[in-house]
Amino acid sequence: GVNSSVDFSTSRHTLATRRQQLKAFIKAISEGIWVAKTNKEIAFRVMQKYLKVEPRFLESTHTNYTVRLHPEKPYPIREVLEAAIEDMSPSVPELKGKKSSDFADSSLVAELDKEGFFEQLKR
């Protein structure tokens, strides 16, 4: 199976005209995920307060939904996109012949990766 965490989408126009804001957004989300994965105390407090997770489910929720489902670097998962295209193609004829690369742009994540952002989180 393929794991997926969360998807974000925007228009190509916004990607072109507001790159710095989108890059800051990806950094903020990535930092939050990193903190949640590496600091159980904070993660548990957030899960209890905002998600109303009962104390007896904190450990399993953290492991199953925070640690396992969120990749270290938030590149689009090609297999997930291709599965969605395949599933929707019968009812959306415009999707026939489309590839995941027609819908996903990983350039901002690639920029952050090249700049060493994700490695800096580990320090």
N, C-alpha and C. Protein backbone atom coordinates (compact mmCIF):
# COMPACT_ATOMS: atom_id res chain seq x y z
N GLY A 1 0.81 -1.19 0.00
CA GLY A 1 0.00 0.00 0.00
C GLY A 1 0.85 1.25 0.00
N VAL A 2 0.23 2.33 -0.33
CA VAL A 2 0.91 3.62 -0.38
C VAL A 2 0.37 4.49 0.74
N ASN A 3 1.24 5.06 1.50
CA ASN A 3 0.81 5.97 2.57
C ASN A 3 0.69 7.38 2.02
N SER A 4 -0.28 8.09 2.53
CA SER A 4 -0.48 9.47 2.14
C SER A 4 -0.84 10.25 3.40
N SER A 5 -0.42 11.48 3.48
CA SER A 5 -0.75 12.24 4.67
C SER A 5 -1.77 13.31 4.36
N VAL A 6 -1.37 14.33 3.72
CA VAL A 6 -2.28 15.43 3.46
C VAL A 6 -1.87 16.10 2.15
N ASP A 7 -2.85 16.61 1.46
CA ASP A 7 -2.57 17.26 0.18
C ASP A 7 -2.86 18.75 0.28
N PHE A 8 -2.10 19.51 -0.45
CA PHE A 8 -2.33 20.94 -0.58
C PHE A 8 -2.39 21.26 -2.05
N SER A 9 -3.27 22.16 -2.41
CA SER A 9 -3.36 22.52 -3.81
C SER A 9 -3.50 24.03 -3.95
N THR A 10 -3.09 24.49 -5.10
CA THR A 10 -3.21 25.90 -5.44
C THR A 10 -3.24 26.00 -6.96
N SER A 11 -3.49 27.16 -7.46
CA SER A 11 -3.49 27.35 -8.91
C SER A 11 -2.08 27.61 -9.41
N ARG A 12 -1.87 27.38 -10.68
CA ARG A 12 -0.55 27.66 -11.27
C ARG A 12 -0.24 29.17 -11.18
N HIS A 13 -1.29 29.97 -11.28
CA HIS A 13 -1.11 31.42 -11.18
C HIS A 13 -0.58 31.80 -9.79
N THR A 14 -1.20 31.25 -8.75
CA THR A 14 -0.74 31.54 -7.39
C THR A 14 0.66 31.02 -7.17
N LEU A 15 0.96 29.86 -7.71
CA LEU A 15 2.30 29.30 -7.59
C LEU A 15 3.33 30.22 -8.24
N ALA A 16 2.95 30.83 -9.33
CA ALA A 16 3.88 31.73 -10.03
C ALA A 16 3.99 33.10 -9.36
N THR A 17 2.90 33.59 -8.80
CA THR A 17 2.90 34.97 -8.29
C THR A 17 3.12 35.09 -6.78
N ARG A 18 2.98 34.00 -6.06
CA ARG A 18 3.12 34.07 -4.60
C ARG A 18 4.04 32.96 -4.07
N ARG A 19 5.11 32.72 -4.80
CA ARG A 19 6.02 31.62 -4.46
C ARG A 19 6.58 31.74 -3.04
N GLN A 20 6.98 32.93 -2.65
CA GLN A 20 7.59 33.08 -1.33
C GLN A 20 6.59 32.77 -0.21
N GLN A 21 5.33 33.19 -0.38
CA GLN A 21 4.32 32.90 0.62
C GLN A 21 4.05 31.39 0.69
N LEU A 22 3.98 30.76 -0.47
CA LEU A 22 3.74 29.32 -0.50
C LEU A 22 4.93 28.56 0.08
N LYS A 23 6.12 29.04 -0.20
CA LYS A 23 7.32 28.41 0.36
C LYS A 23 7.32 28.54 1.88
N ALA A 24 6.94 29.69 2.39
CA ALA A 24 6.85 29.90 3.84
C ALA A 24 5.79 28.97 4.44
N PHE A 25 4.70 28.77 3.74
CA PHE A 25 3.65 27.87 4.20
C PHE A 25 4.17 26.44 4.30
N ILE A 26 4.87 25.97 3.28
CA ILE A 26 5.43 24.62 3.30
C ILE A 26 6.44 24.48 4.43
N LYS A 27 7.24 25.51 4.65
CA LYS A 27 8.20 25.48 5.76
C LYS A 27 7.48 25.37 7.10
N ALA A 28 6.43 26.15 7.29
CA ALA A 28 5.70 26.14 8.55
C ALA A 28 5.04 24.78 8.80
N ILE A 29 4.39 24.24 7.79
CA ILE A 29 3.76 22.93 7.92
C ILE A 29 4.82 21.87 8.22
N SER A 30 5.93 21.93 7.52
CA SER A 30 7.00 20.94 7.71
C SER A 30 7.60 21.04 9.11
N GLU A 31 7.77 22.25 9.60
CA GLU A 31 8.29 22.42 10.96
C GLU A 31 7.30 21.87 11.98
N GLY A 32 6.03 22.14 11.78
CA GLY A 32 5.01 21.63 12.69
C GLY A 32 4.98 20.11 12.72
N ILE A 33 5.08 19.50 11.56
CA ILE A 33 5.11 18.04 11.49
C ILE A 33 6.36 17.50 12.17
N TRP A 34 7.50 18.15 11.94
CA TRP A 34 8.75 17.71 12.56
C TRP A 34 8.63 17.78 14.09
N VAL A 35 8.09 18.87 14.61
CA VAL A 35 7.92 19.00 16.06
C VAL A 35 6.98 17.90 16.56
N ALA A 36 5.89 17.67 15.87
CA ALA A 36 4.93 16.65 16.29
C ALA A 36 5.55 15.26 16.29
N LYS A 37 6.43 15.00 15.33
CA LYS A 37 7.06 13.68 15.25
C LYS A 37 8.16 13.50 16.30
N THR A 38 8.81 14.57 16.67
CA THR A 38 9.99 14.44 17.54
C THR A 38 9.74 14.85 18.99
N ASN A 39 8.62 15.47 19.27
CA ASN A 39 8.34 15.91 20.63
C ASN A 39 6.93 15.44 21.03
N LYS A 40 6.89 14.24 21.61
CA LYS A 40 5.59 13.66 21.96
C LYS A 40 4.81 14.52 22.95
N GLU A 41 5.50 15.15 23.87
CA GLU A 41 4.81 15.96 24.88
C GLU A 41 3.98 17.06 24.21
N ILE A 42 4.59 17.78 23.29
CA ILE A 42 3.87 18.83 22.57
C ILE A 42 2.78 18.21 21.70
N ALA A 43 3.13 17.14 20.98
CA ALA A 43 2.16 16.49 20.10
C ALA A 43 0.94 16.02 20.88
N PHE A 44 1.16 15.42 22.04
CA PHE A 44 0.05 14.92 22.83
C PHE A 44 -0.84 16.07 23.32
N ARG A 45 -0.22 17.17 23.75
CA ARG A 45 -1.02 18.32 24.20
C ARG A 45 -1.89 18.87 23.06
N VAL A 46 -1.31 18.98 21.88
CA VAL A 46 -2.05 19.48 20.72
C VAL A 46 -3.18 18.52 20.36
N MET A 47 -2.87 17.22 20.34
CA MET A 47 -3.90 16.23 19.99
C MET A 47 -5.05 16.25 20.99
N GLN A 48 -4.74 16.43 22.27
CA GLN A 48 -5.81 16.47 23.27
C GLN A 48 -6.63 17.75 23.15
N LYS A 49 -5.96 18.87 22.98
CA LYS A 49 -6.67 20.16 22.97
C LYS A 49 -7.48 20.37 21.69
N TYR A 50 -6.85 20.15 20.54
CA TYR A 50 -7.52 20.52 19.29
C TYR A 50 -8.23 19.35 18.60
N LEU A 51 -7.73 18.15 18.79
CA LEU A 51 -8.35 16.99 18.15
C LEU A 51 -9.21 16.19 19.11
N LYS A 52 -9.15 16.57 20.39
CA LYS A 52 -9.96 15.91 21.42
C LYS A 52 -9.67 14.40 21.51
N VAL A 53 -8.41 14.03 21.32
CA VAL A 53 -8.01 12.63 21.43
C VAL A 53 -7.96 12.25 22.91
N GLU A 54 -8.61 11.16 23.25
CA GLU A 54 -8.61 10.69 24.63
C GLU A 54 -7.20 10.22 25.01
N PRO A 55 -6.80 10.44 26.26
CA PRO A 55 -5.46 10.06 26.69
C PRO A 55 -5.06 8.62 26.35
N ARG A 56 -5.98 7.68 26.44
CA ARG A 56 -5.64 6.28 26.18
C ARG A 56 -5.32 6.01 24.71
N PHE A 57 -5.66 6.95 23.81
CA PHE A 57 -5.40 6.77 22.39
C PHE A 57 -4.23 7.63 21.88
N LEU A 58 -3.61 8.39 22.75
CA LEU A 58 -2.56 9.31 22.31
C LEU A 58 -1.38 8.60 21.64
N GLU A 59 -0.88 7.57 22.27
CA GLU A 59 0.29 6.88 21.72
C GLU A 59 0.01 6.30 20.34
N SER A 60 -1.09 5.58 20.21
CA SER A 60 -1.40 4.96 18.91
C SER A 60 -1.73 6.01 17.86
N THR A 61 -2.41 7.08 18.25
CA THR A 61 -2.72 8.15 17.29
C THR A 61 -1.44 8.81 16.82
N HIS A 62 -0.52 9.07 17.73
CA HIS A 62 0.76 9.69 17.37
C HIS A 62 1.53 8.79 16.41
N THR A 63 1.62 7.52 16.73
CA THR A 63 2.36 6.58 15.88
C THR A 63 1.71 6.43 14.51
N ASN A 64 0.41 6.19 14.49
CA ASN A 64 -0.28 5.88 13.24
C ASN A 64 -0.54 7.08 12.34
N TYR A 65 -0.80 8.24 12.92
CA TYR A 65 -1.18 9.38 12.10
C TYR A 65 -0.12 10.46 11.99
N THR A 66 0.80 10.50 12.91
CA THR A 66 1.83 11.52 12.84
C THR A 66 3.13 10.94 12.30
N VAL A 67 3.61 9.92 12.93
CA VAL A 67 4.91 9.36 12.55
C VAL A 67 4.85 8.60 11.23
N ARG A 68 3.89 7.72 11.07
CA ARG A 68 3.85 6.85 9.88
C ARG A 68 3.35 7.54 8.61
N LEU A 69 2.42 8.46 8.74
CA LEU A 69 1.79 9.01 7.53
C LEU A 69 2.45 10.26 6.97
N HIS A 70 3.33 10.88 7.71
CA HIS A 70 3.94 12.11 7.21
C HIS A 70 5.39 11.85 6.81
N PRO A 71 5.67 12.01 5.52
CA PRO A 71 7.04 11.78 5.07
C PRO A 71 7.99 12.85 5.59
N GLU A 72 9.27 12.54 5.60
CA GLU A 72 10.28 13.48 6.07
C GLU A 72 10.29 14.75 5.20
N LYS A 73 10.11 14.55 3.92
CA LYS A 73 10.06 15.67 2.97
C LYS A 73 8.73 15.56 2.22
N PRO A 74 7.96 16.63 2.17
CA PRO A 74 6.60 16.54 1.63
C PRO A 74 6.48 16.59 0.10
N TYR A 75 7.27 15.75 -0.55
CA TYR A 75 7.13 15.64 -2.00
C TYR A 75 5.80 14.97 -2.32
N PRO A 76 5.16 15.36 -3.43
CA PRO A 76 3.93 14.66 -3.83
C PRO A 76 4.23 13.17 -4.03
N ILE A 77 3.31 12.33 -3.64
CA ILE A 77 3.49 10.88 -3.79
C ILE A 77 2.85 10.47 -5.11
N ARG A 78 3.70 10.20 -6.08
CA ARG A 78 3.27 9.90 -7.44
C ARG A 78 2.24 8.78 -7.49
N GLU A 79 2.46 7.71 -6.74
CA GLU A 79 1.55 6.57 -6.77
C GLU A 79 0.15 6.93 -6.29
N VAL A 80 0.06 7.80 -5.31
CA VAL A 80 -1.24 8.21 -4.80
C VAL A 80 -1.99 9.03 -5.87
N LEU A 81 -1.27 9.94 -6.50
CA LEU A 81 -1.90 10.75 -7.55
C LEU A 81 -2.34 9.87 -8.72
N GLU A 82 -1.49 8.93 -9.12
CA GLU A 82 -1.84 8.05 -10.24
C GLU A 82 -3.05 7.18 -9.91
N ALA A 83 -3.13 6.71 -8.66
CA ALA A 83 -4.29 5.91 -8.24
C ALA A 83 -5.56 6.76 -8.29
N ALA A 84 -5.48 8.01 -7.86
CA ALA A 84 -6.64 8.90 -7.90
C ALA A 84 -7.07 9.16 -9.34
N ILE A 85 -6.12 9.38 -10.22
CA ILE A 85 -6.43 9.61 -11.64
C ILE A 85 -7.12 8.38 -12.22
N GLU A 86 -6.58 7.21 -11.92
CA GLU A 86 -7.17 5.97 -12.42
C GLU A 86 -8.59 5.76 -11.88
N ASP A 87 -8.78 6.02 -10.59
CA ASP A 87 -10.10 5.84 -9.98
C ASP A 87 -11.14 6.80 -10.54
N MET A 88 -10.73 8.02 -10.84
CA MET A 88 -11.67 9.05 -11.28
C MET A 88 -11.86 9.09 -12.79
N SER A 89 -10.96 8.49 -13.55
CA SER A 89 -11.02 8.56 -15.02
C SER A 89 -12.34 8.11 -15.62
N PRO A 90 -12.96 7.05 -15.12
CA PRO A 90 -14.23 6.65 -15.73
C PRO A 90 -15.32 7.72 -15.65
N SER A 91 -15.33 8.50 -14.59
CA SER A 91 -16.38 9.52 -14.46
C SER A 91 -15.91 10.91 -14.87
N VAL A 92 -14.61 11.08 -15.09
CA VAL A 92 -14.07 12.37 -15.53
C VAL A 92 -13.20 12.10 -16.77
N PRO A 93 -13.82 12.11 -17.95
CA PRO A 93 -13.11 11.75 -19.17
C PRO A 93 -11.86 12.60 -19.45
N GLU A 94 -11.83 13.84 -18.95
CA GLU A 94 -10.66 14.71 -19.18
C GLU A 94 -9.39 14.15 -18.55
N LEU A 95 -9.54 13.23 -17.63
CA LEU A 95 -8.36 12.66 -16.95
C LEU A 95 -7.69 11.55 -17.77
N LYS A 96 -8.37 11.04 -18.77
CA LYS A 96 -7.81 9.96 -19.56
C LYS A 96 -6.48 10.40 -20.19
N GLY A 97 -5.46 9.61 -19.97
CA GLY A 97 -4.14 9.89 -20.52
C GLY A 97 -3.31 10.86 -19.68
N LYS A 98 -3.85 11.37 -18.59
CA LYS A 98 -3.11 12.30 -17.72
C LYS A 98 -2.16 11.52 -16.82
N LYS A 99 -1.09 12.20 -16.42
CA LYS A 99 -0.10 11.63 -15.51
C LYS A 99 -0.07 12.47 -14.24
N SER A 100 0.53 11.93 -13.22
CA SER A 100 0.63 12.66 -11.95
C SER A 100 1.38 13.99 -12.14
N SER A 101 2.35 13.99 -13.02
CA SER A 101 3.14 15.21 -13.25
C SER A 101 2.31 16.33 -13.88
N ASP A 102 1.16 16.00 -14.44
CA ASP A 102 0.27 17.03 -14.99
C ASP A 102 -0.43 17.82 -13.88
N PHE A 103 -0.41 17.28 -12.65
CA PHE A 103 -1.13 17.90 -11.55
C PHE A 103 -0.25 18.33 -10.38
N ALA A 104 0.92 17.78 -10.29
CA ALA A 104 1.77 18.04 -9.13
C ALA A 104 3.02 18.82 -9.52
N ASP A 105 3.34 19.81 -8.73
CA ASP A 105 4.55 20.60 -8.92
C ASP A 105 5.32 20.55 -7.60
N SER A 106 6.45 19.91 -7.64
CA SER A 106 7.24 19.77 -6.42
C SER A 106 8.40 20.76 -6.36
N SER A 107 8.35 21.80 -7.17
CA SER A 107 9.48 22.72 -7.26
C SER A 107 9.78 23.45 -5.94
N LEU A 108 8.75 23.81 -5.19
CA LEU A 108 8.99 24.50 -3.92
C LEU A 108 9.64 23.57 -2.90
N VAL A 109 9.16 22.34 -2.84
CA VAL A 109 9.76 21.37 -1.92
C VAL A 109 11.20 21.08 -2.36
N ALA A 110 11.41 20.98 -3.67
CA ALA A 110 12.76 20.74 -4.18
C ALA A 110 13.70 21.90 -3.84
N GLU A 111 13.20 23.13 -3.92
CA GLU A 111 14.01 24.30 -3.54
C GLU A 111 14.41 24.22 -2.07
N LEU A 112 13.44 23.92 -1.22
CA LEU A 112 13.72 23.81 0.22
C LEU A 112 14.71 22.68 0.49
N ASP A 113 14.55 21.59 -0.22
CA ASP A 113 15.45 20.46 -0.08
C ASP A 113 16.87 20.85 -0.49
N LYS A 114 16.99 21.51 -1.62
CA LYS A 114 18.30 21.95 -2.12
C LYS A 114 18.96 22.95 -1.16
N GLU A 115 18.15 23.79 -0.54
CA GLU A 115 18.66 24.77 0.43
C GLU A 115 19.03 24.14 1.77
N GLY A 116 18.72 22.86 1.95
CA GLY A 116 19.06 22.17 3.19
C GLY A 116 18.05 22.37 4.31
N PHE A 117 16.88 22.88 3.99
CA PHE A 117 15.88 23.15 5.01
C PHE A 117 15.52 21.92 5.83
N PHE A 118 15.26 20.80 5.17
CA PHE A 118 14.82 19.60 5.88
C PHE A 118 15.93 19.02 6.74
N GLU A 119 17.15 19.14 6.30
CA GLU A 119 18.29 18.69 7.10
C GLU A 119 18.46 19.59 8.33
N GLN A 120 18.19 20.87 8.18
CA GLN A 120 18.31 21.81 9.31
C GLN A 120 17.31 21.47 10.42
N LEU A 121 16.17 20.92 10.05
CA LEU A 121 15.18 20.55 11.06
C LEU A 121 15.73 19.51 12.02
N LYS A 122 16.60 18.66 11.53
CA LYS A 122 17.14 17.57 12.34
C LYS A 122 18.18 18.05 13.36
N ARG A 123 18.66 19.26 13.20
CA ARG A 123 19.73 19.74 14.10
C ARG A 123 19.19 20.29 15.39
